[in-house]
Amino acid sequence: MKFLADMGISPHCVEWLRSEGYDAVHLYEQHLHRLSDKEILNKAKDEKRILLTMDLDFAWLLSKFKTDDFPSVVIFRVSNQRPQNIQDKLKLILPIINLRVDKVSFILSVSDNKIRIRHLPIYKDVL
């Protein structure tokens, strides 16, 4: 699995993912910390990476895309945003992601006590 970490995710989490054998990059280390959200989504899609973020705007943007080619996104909605807590949440969700990574794109929302997954696209065409 390949991951792209947004600015809200600690570089320590990226280092941990790498130590676990995952291909993970952080926007900051690539000097891309000023990309717009849409550019970040396109980068994740083009590189076939799962975006890790704390930014809820990505779910909104994905709901507006009128395409079938989406990147998958994991949104952490947790009260404790320390790297160790995010790593603990990653340990919990990596098996879930592994089951879905080759099937369909998804938004995985991780809160303090709940995990919710939605397959993409999430829009409905209305006639």
N, C-alpha and C. Protein backbone atom coordinates (compact mmCIF):
# COMPACT_ATOMS: atom_id res chain seq x y z
N MET A 1 0.84 -1.18 0.00
CA MET A 1 0.00 0.00 0.00
C MET A 1 0.88 1.24 0.00
N LYS A 2 0.38 2.26 -0.65
CA LYS A 2 1.10 3.52 -0.75
C LYS A 2 0.27 4.62 -0.10
N PHE A 3 0.94 5.48 0.66
CA PHE A 3 0.25 6.54 1.39
C PHE A 3 0.86 7.90 1.08
N LEU A 4 0.01 8.92 1.12
CA LEU A 4 0.41 10.32 1.02
C LEU A 4 -0.14 11.02 2.26
N ALA A 5 0.75 11.59 3.06
CA ALA A 5 0.33 12.27 4.28
C ALA A 5 0.19 13.76 4.04
N ASP A 6 -0.97 14.28 4.41
CA ASP A 6 -1.26 15.70 4.35
C ASP A 6 -0.54 16.39 5.52
N MET A 7 -0.58 17.71 5.53
CA MET A 7 0.17 18.49 6.50
C MET A 7 -0.25 18.25 7.95
N GLY A 8 -1.49 17.86 8.21
CA GLY A 8 -1.94 17.63 9.58
C GLY A 8 -1.41 16.34 10.18
N ILE A 9 -0.86 15.48 9.36
CA ILE A 9 -0.32 14.20 9.82
C ILE A 9 1.17 14.40 10.13
N SER A 10 1.59 13.92 11.27
CA SER A 10 2.98 14.09 11.69
C SER A 10 3.93 13.29 10.79
N PRO A 11 5.08 13.87 10.47
CA PRO A 11 6.10 13.09 9.75
C PRO A 11 6.52 11.83 10.51
N HIS A 12 6.36 11.83 11.84
CA HIS A 12 6.67 10.63 12.63
C HIS A 12 5.78 9.46 12.22
N CYS A 13 4.53 9.75 11.86
CA CYS A 13 3.62 8.69 11.41
C CYS A 13 4.08 8.13 10.06
N VAL A 14 4.60 9.00 9.21
CA VAL A 14 5.12 8.55 7.91
C VAL A 14 6.35 7.66 8.14
N GLU A 15 7.22 8.08 9.05
CA GLU A 15 8.40 7.27 9.39
C GLU A 15 7.97 5.91 9.93
N TRP A 16 6.94 5.90 10.78
CA TRP A 16 6.46 4.63 11.33
C TRP A 16 5.91 3.73 10.22
N LEU A 17 5.11 4.29 9.31
CA LEU A 17 4.59 3.50 8.19
C LEU A 17 5.73 2.89 7.38
N ARG A 18 6.76 3.67 7.12
CA ARG A 18 7.92 3.15 6.38
C ARG A 18 8.59 2.01 7.15
N SER A 19 8.71 2.18 8.46
CA SER A 19 9.35 1.13 9.27
C SER A 19 8.53 -0.16 9.26
N GLU A 20 7.24 -0.03 8.96
CA GLU A 20 6.36 -1.20 8.86
C GLU A 20 6.32 -1.76 7.44
N GLY A 21 7.09 -1.17 6.54
CA GLY A 21 7.20 -1.68 5.18
C GLY A 21 6.30 -1.04 4.15
N TYR A 22 5.63 0.04 4.51
CA TYR A 22 4.74 0.73 3.58
C TYR A 22 5.48 1.83 2.82
N ASP A 23 5.01 2.11 1.63
CA ASP A 23 5.52 3.21 0.82
C ASP A 23 4.73 4.45 1.24
N ALA A 24 5.37 5.34 1.99
CA ALA A 24 4.68 6.52 2.52
C ALA A 24 5.52 7.76 2.29
N VAL A 25 4.86 8.83 1.87
CA VAL A 25 5.51 10.12 1.68
C VAL A 25 4.68 11.20 2.36
N HIS A 26 5.35 12.27 2.71
CA HIS A 26 4.69 13.41 3.34
C HIS A 26 4.82 14.61 2.41
N LEU A 27 3.76 15.39 2.29
CA LEU A 27 3.80 16.58 1.43
C LEU A 27 4.96 17.51 1.80
N TYR A 28 5.22 17.64 3.08
CA TYR A 28 6.26 18.56 3.53
C TYR A 28 7.64 18.14 3.03
N GLU A 29 7.95 16.85 3.11
CA GLU A 29 9.28 16.40 2.70
C GLU A 29 9.47 16.53 1.19
N GLN A 30 8.39 16.61 0.45
CA GLN A 30 8.48 16.81 -0.99
C GLN A 30 8.35 18.29 -1.36
N HIS A 31 8.33 19.15 -0.35
CA HIS A 31 8.21 20.61 -0.54
C HIS A 31 6.92 20.97 -1.27
N LEU A 32 5.86 20.24 -0.96
CA LEU A 32 4.56 20.46 -1.60
C LEU A 32 3.51 20.90 -0.59
N HIS A 33 3.93 21.50 0.50
CA HIS A 33 3.01 21.87 1.57
C HIS A 33 2.07 23.01 1.21
N ARG A 34 2.26 23.62 0.06
CA ARG A 34 1.37 24.72 -0.36
C ARG A 34 0.39 24.30 -1.45
N LEU A 35 0.32 23.02 -1.75
CA LEU A 35 -0.63 22.56 -2.76
C LEU A 35 -2.06 22.79 -2.29
N SER A 36 -2.95 23.05 -3.24
CA SER A 36 -4.38 23.15 -2.89
C SER A 36 -4.91 21.74 -2.62
N ASP A 37 -6.07 21.68 -1.98
CA ASP A 37 -6.67 20.38 -1.69
C ASP A 37 -6.93 19.59 -2.97
N LYS A 38 -7.38 20.26 -4.01
CA LYS A 38 -7.64 19.58 -5.28
C LYS A 38 -6.34 19.02 -5.87
N GLU A 39 -5.26 19.78 -5.79
CA GLU A 39 -3.97 19.30 -6.28
C GLU A 39 -3.47 18.11 -5.47
N ILE A 40 -3.73 18.13 -4.17
CA ILE A 40 -3.34 17.01 -3.31
C ILE A 40 -4.11 15.75 -3.72
N LEU A 41 -5.42 15.90 -3.93
CA LEU A 41 -6.22 14.75 -4.37
C LEU A 41 -5.72 14.22 -5.71
N ASN A 42 -5.40 15.11 -6.63
CA ASN A 42 -4.89 14.66 -7.93
C ASN A 42 -3.55 13.95 -7.79
N LYS A 43 -2.69 14.43 -6.92
CA LYS A 43 -1.41 13.78 -6.68
C LYS A 43 -1.63 12.37 -6.12
N ALA A 44 -2.51 12.25 -5.15
CA ALA A 44 -2.82 10.94 -4.58
C ALA A 44 -3.37 10.00 -5.65
N LYS A 45 -4.26 10.50 -6.47
CA LYS A 45 -4.86 9.69 -7.54
C LYS A 45 -3.80 9.28 -8.55
N ASP A 46 -3.00 10.23 -9.02
CA ASP A 46 -1.99 9.94 -10.04
C ASP A 46 -0.95 8.93 -9.55
N GLU A 47 -0.60 9.01 -8.27
CA GLU A 47 0.42 8.12 -7.70
C GLU A 47 -0.18 6.87 -7.06
N LYS A 48 -1.52 6.76 -7.15
CA LYS A 48 -2.24 5.62 -6.55
C LYS A 48 -1.90 5.46 -5.07
N ARG A 49 -1.99 6.60 -4.37
CA ARG A 49 -1.72 6.63 -2.93
C ARG A 49 -3.01 6.88 -2.16
N ILE A 50 -3.08 6.36 -0.98
CA ILE A 50 -4.18 6.64 -0.07
C ILE A 50 -3.80 7.89 0.72
N LEU A 51 -4.65 8.89 0.68
CA LEU A 51 -4.38 10.15 1.37
C LEU A 51 -4.73 10.02 2.84
N LEU A 52 -3.80 10.40 3.71
CA LEU A 52 -4.03 10.46 5.15
C LEU A 52 -4.15 11.92 5.53
N THR A 53 -5.23 12.28 6.19
CA THR A 53 -5.47 13.69 6.49
C THR A 53 -6.32 13.87 7.75
N MET A 54 -6.37 15.09 8.21
CA MET A 54 -7.29 15.48 9.28
C MET A 54 -8.25 16.54 8.77
N ASP A 55 -8.16 16.84 7.50
CA ASP A 55 -8.91 17.91 6.86
C ASP A 55 -10.22 17.38 6.29
N LEU A 56 -11.34 17.82 6.84
CA LEU A 56 -12.66 17.36 6.39
C LEU A 56 -13.03 17.86 5.01
N ASP A 57 -12.33 18.86 4.51
CA ASP A 57 -12.64 19.38 3.18
C ASP A 57 -12.47 18.34 2.08
N PHE A 58 -11.61 17.36 2.30
CA PHE A 58 -11.38 16.35 1.28
C PHE A 58 -12.64 15.51 1.03
N ALA A 59 -13.38 15.19 2.05
CA ALA A 59 -14.62 14.43 1.86
C ALA A 59 -15.62 15.26 1.05
N TRP A 60 -15.71 16.52 1.35
CA TRP A 60 -16.61 17.40 0.60
C TRP A 60 -16.19 17.47 -0.87
N LEU A 61 -14.90 17.65 -1.11
CA LEU A 61 -14.41 17.72 -2.49
C LEU A 61 -14.71 16.43 -3.26
N LEU A 62 -14.48 15.30 -2.62
CA LEU A 62 -14.74 14.02 -3.28
C LEU A 62 -16.21 13.82 -3.59
N SER A 63 -17.08 14.38 -2.76
CA SER A 63 -18.51 14.25 -3.02
C SER A 63 -18.93 15.07 -4.24
N LYS A 64 -18.12 16.06 -4.62
CA LYS A 64 -18.44 16.93 -5.74
C LYS A 64 -17.82 16.46 -7.06
N PHE A 65 -16.83 15.57 -6.99
CA PHE A 65 -16.18 15.08 -8.21
C PHE A 65 -17.17 14.26 -9.02
N LYS A 66 -17.24 14.53 -10.30
CA LYS A 66 -18.10 13.77 -11.20
C LYS A 66 -17.22 12.87 -12.06
N THR A 67 -16.58 11.92 -11.42
CA THR A 67 -15.68 10.99 -12.09
C THR A 67 -15.74 9.65 -11.36
N ASP A 68 -15.23 8.64 -11.99
CA ASP A 68 -15.15 7.34 -11.33
C ASP A 68 -13.72 7.02 -10.92
N ASP A 69 -12.82 7.97 -11.08
CA ASP A 69 -11.41 7.76 -10.77
C ASP A 69 -11.03 8.59 -9.55
N PHE A 70 -11.20 8.01 -8.38
CA PHE A 70 -10.98 8.71 -7.12
C PHE A 70 -9.79 8.14 -6.38
N PRO A 71 -9.08 8.97 -5.63
CA PRO A 71 -8.15 8.41 -4.66
C PRO A 71 -8.92 8.02 -3.40
N SER A 72 -8.38 7.08 -2.65
CA SER A 72 -8.97 6.77 -1.35
C SER A 72 -8.41 7.73 -0.32
N VAL A 73 -9.23 8.01 0.71
CA VAL A 73 -8.84 8.99 1.72
C VAL A 73 -9.18 8.44 3.10
N VAL A 74 -8.24 8.61 4.03
CA VAL A 74 -8.47 8.31 5.44
C VAL A 74 -8.47 9.64 6.18
N ILE A 75 -9.59 9.94 6.82
CA ILE A 75 -9.73 11.19 7.57
C ILE A 75 -9.75 10.86 9.06
N PHE A 76 -8.80 11.42 9.78
CA PHE A 76 -8.74 11.23 11.23
C PHE A 76 -9.49 12.37 11.89
N ARG A 77 -10.56 12.02 12.62
CA ARG A 77 -11.38 12.99 13.33
C ARG A 77 -11.28 12.68 14.83
N VAL A 78 -10.08 12.81 15.36
CA VAL A 78 -9.80 12.38 16.72
C VAL A 78 -9.46 13.58 17.60
N SER A 79 -9.78 13.47 18.88
CA SER A 79 -9.48 14.56 19.80
C SER A 79 -7.99 14.61 20.14
N ASN A 80 -7.34 13.46 20.19
CA ASN A 80 -5.90 13.39 20.47
C ASN A 80 -5.17 13.19 19.14
N GLN A 81 -4.54 14.24 18.66
CA GLN A 81 -3.88 14.19 17.36
C GLN A 81 -2.37 13.93 17.46
N ARG A 82 -1.92 13.49 18.62
CA ARG A 82 -0.50 13.18 18.78
C ARG A 82 -0.12 12.01 17.88
N PRO A 83 1.12 11.99 17.41
CA PRO A 83 1.55 10.93 16.50
C PRO A 83 1.30 9.51 17.03
N GLN A 84 1.53 9.28 18.31
CA GLN A 84 1.33 7.93 18.84
C GLN A 84 -0.13 7.50 18.73
N ASN A 85 -1.05 8.41 18.96
CA ASN A 85 -2.47 8.07 18.84
C ASN A 85 -2.83 7.79 17.38
N ILE A 86 -2.30 8.57 16.45
CA ILE A 86 -2.57 8.33 15.03
C ILE A 86 -1.98 6.99 14.62
N GLN A 87 -0.77 6.67 15.11
CA GLN A 87 -0.17 5.37 14.81
C GLN A 87 -1.04 4.24 15.36
N ASP A 88 -1.56 4.40 16.55
CA ASP A 88 -2.45 3.38 17.12
C ASP A 88 -3.69 3.19 16.25
N LYS A 89 -4.25 4.31 15.76
CA LYS A 89 -5.41 4.21 14.87
C LYS A 89 -5.02 3.55 13.55
N LEU A 90 -3.83 3.87 13.03
CA LEU A 90 -3.37 3.23 11.81
C LEU A 90 -3.23 1.72 11.98
N LYS A 91 -2.69 1.30 13.12
CA LYS A 91 -2.57 -0.15 13.39
C LYS A 91 -3.94 -0.81 13.33
N LEU A 92 -4.94 -0.11 13.80
CA LEU A 92 -6.31 -0.64 13.83
C LEU A 92 -6.92 -0.71 12.43
N ILE A 93 -6.65 0.27 11.59
CA ILE A 93 -7.33 0.33 10.29
C ILE A 93 -6.55 -0.28 9.13
N LEU A 94 -5.25 -0.51 9.29
CA LEU A 94 -4.48 -1.06 8.17
C LEU A 94 -5.05 -2.38 7.65
N PRO A 95 -5.50 -3.30 8.52
CA PRO A 95 -6.13 -4.52 7.98
C PRO A 95 -7.41 -4.25 7.18
N ILE A 96 -8.16 -3.25 7.59
CA ILE A 96 -9.38 -2.88 6.87
C ILE A 96 -9.02 -2.33 5.50
N ILE A 97 -8.03 -1.45 5.47
CA ILE A 97 -7.60 -0.87 4.20
C ILE A 97 -7.06 -1.95 3.28
N ASN A 98 -6.30 -2.86 3.83
CA ASN A 98 -5.71 -3.93 3.04
C ASN A 98 -6.76 -4.78 2.33
N LEU A 99 -7.91 -4.96 2.97
CA LEU A 99 -9.00 -5.73 2.36
C LEU A 99 -9.66 -4.99 1.21
N ARG A 100 -9.58 -3.68 1.21
CA ARG A 100 -10.32 -2.87 0.23
C ARG A 100 -9.45 -2.17 -0.80
N VAL A 101 -8.15 -2.17 -0.60
CA VAL A 101 -7.29 -1.31 -1.40
C VAL A 101 -7.35 -1.58 -2.90
N ASP A 102 -7.57 -2.80 -3.32
CA ASP A 102 -7.59 -3.11 -4.75
C ASP A 102 -8.99 -3.16 -5.32
N LYS A 103 -10.00 -2.87 -4.53
CA LYS A 103 -11.38 -3.02 -5.00
C LYS A 103 -11.96 -1.69 -5.46
N VAL A 104 -12.35 -0.86 -4.55
CA VAL A 104 -12.95 0.42 -4.91
C VAL A 104 -12.35 1.52 -4.03
N SER A 105 -12.45 2.73 -4.51
CA SER A 105 -11.99 3.87 -3.72
C SER A 105 -12.95 4.09 -2.56
N PHE A 106 -12.42 4.66 -1.49
CA PHE A 106 -13.23 4.84 -0.28
C PHE A 106 -12.78 6.07 0.49
N ILE A 107 -13.68 6.49 1.38
CA ILE A 107 -13.35 7.46 2.42
C ILE A 107 -13.50 6.69 3.73
N LEU A 108 -12.44 6.64 4.50
CA LEU A 108 -12.47 5.99 5.80
C LEU A 108 -12.35 7.08 6.85
N SER A 109 -13.37 7.21 7.66
CA SER A 109 -13.38 8.23 8.71
C SER A 109 -13.10 7.55 10.05
N VAL A 110 -12.07 8.03 10.72
CA VAL A 110 -11.65 7.43 11.99
C VAL A 110 -11.84 8.46 13.09
N SER A 111 -12.75 8.15 14.02
CA SER A 111 -12.95 9.04 15.17
C SER A 111 -12.44 8.35 16.42
N ASP A 112 -12.65 8.96 17.56
CA ASP A 112 -12.14 8.40 18.80
C ASP A 112 -12.66 6.99 19.07
N ASN A 113 -13.92 6.75 18.75
CA ASN A 113 -14.49 5.44 19.08
C ASN A 113 -15.29 4.82 17.95
N LYS A 114 -15.06 5.27 16.70
CA LYS A 114 -15.83 4.72 15.59
C LYS A 114 -15.02 4.80 14.31
N ILE A 115 -15.22 3.82 13.46
CA ILE A 115 -14.64 3.82 12.12
C ILE A 115 -15.79 3.68 11.14
N ARG A 116 -15.79 4.56 10.14
CA ARG A 116 -16.87 4.54 9.14
C ARG A 116 -16.24 4.53 7.76
N ILE A 117 -16.74 3.67 6.88
CA ILE A 117 -16.21 3.61 5.53
C ILE A 117 -17.34 3.86 4.54
N ARG A 118 -17.02 4.67 3.53
CA ARG A 118 -17.98 4.94 2.43
C ARG A 118 -17.23 4.72 1.13
N HIS A 119 -17.85 3.97 0.26
CA HIS A 119 -17.25 3.76 -1.06
C HIS A 119 -17.54 4.95 -1.95
N LEU A 120 -16.65 5.20 -2.87
CA LEU A 120 -16.80 6.31 -3.80
C LEU A 120 -17.27 5.78 -5.16
N PRO A 121 -18.03 6.54 -5.91
CA PRO A 121 -18.49 7.89 -5.62
C PRO A 121 -19.65 7.90 -4.63
N ILE A 122 -19.82 9.03 -3.94
CA ILE A 122 -20.90 9.14 -2.97
C ILE A 122 -22.02 10.03 -3.46
N TYR A 123 -21.91 10.57 -4.66
CA TYR A 123 -22.98 11.40 -5.20
C TYR A 123 -24.02 10.52 -5.90
N LYS A 124 -25.20 11.07 -6.05
CA LYS A 124 -26.28 10.40 -6.77
C LYS A 124 -26.75 11.36 -7.88
N ASP A 125 -26.87 10.84 -9.07
CA ASP A 125 -27.42 11.65 -10.16
C ASP A 125 -28.93 11.74 -9.99
N VAL A 126 -29.45 12.93 -10.10
CA VAL A 126 -30.90 13.14 -9.95
C VAL A 126 -31.43 13.58 -11.32
N LEU A 127 -32.45 12.89 -11.79
CA LEU A 127 -33.06 13.25 -13.08
C LEU A 127 -34.24 14.14 -12.88
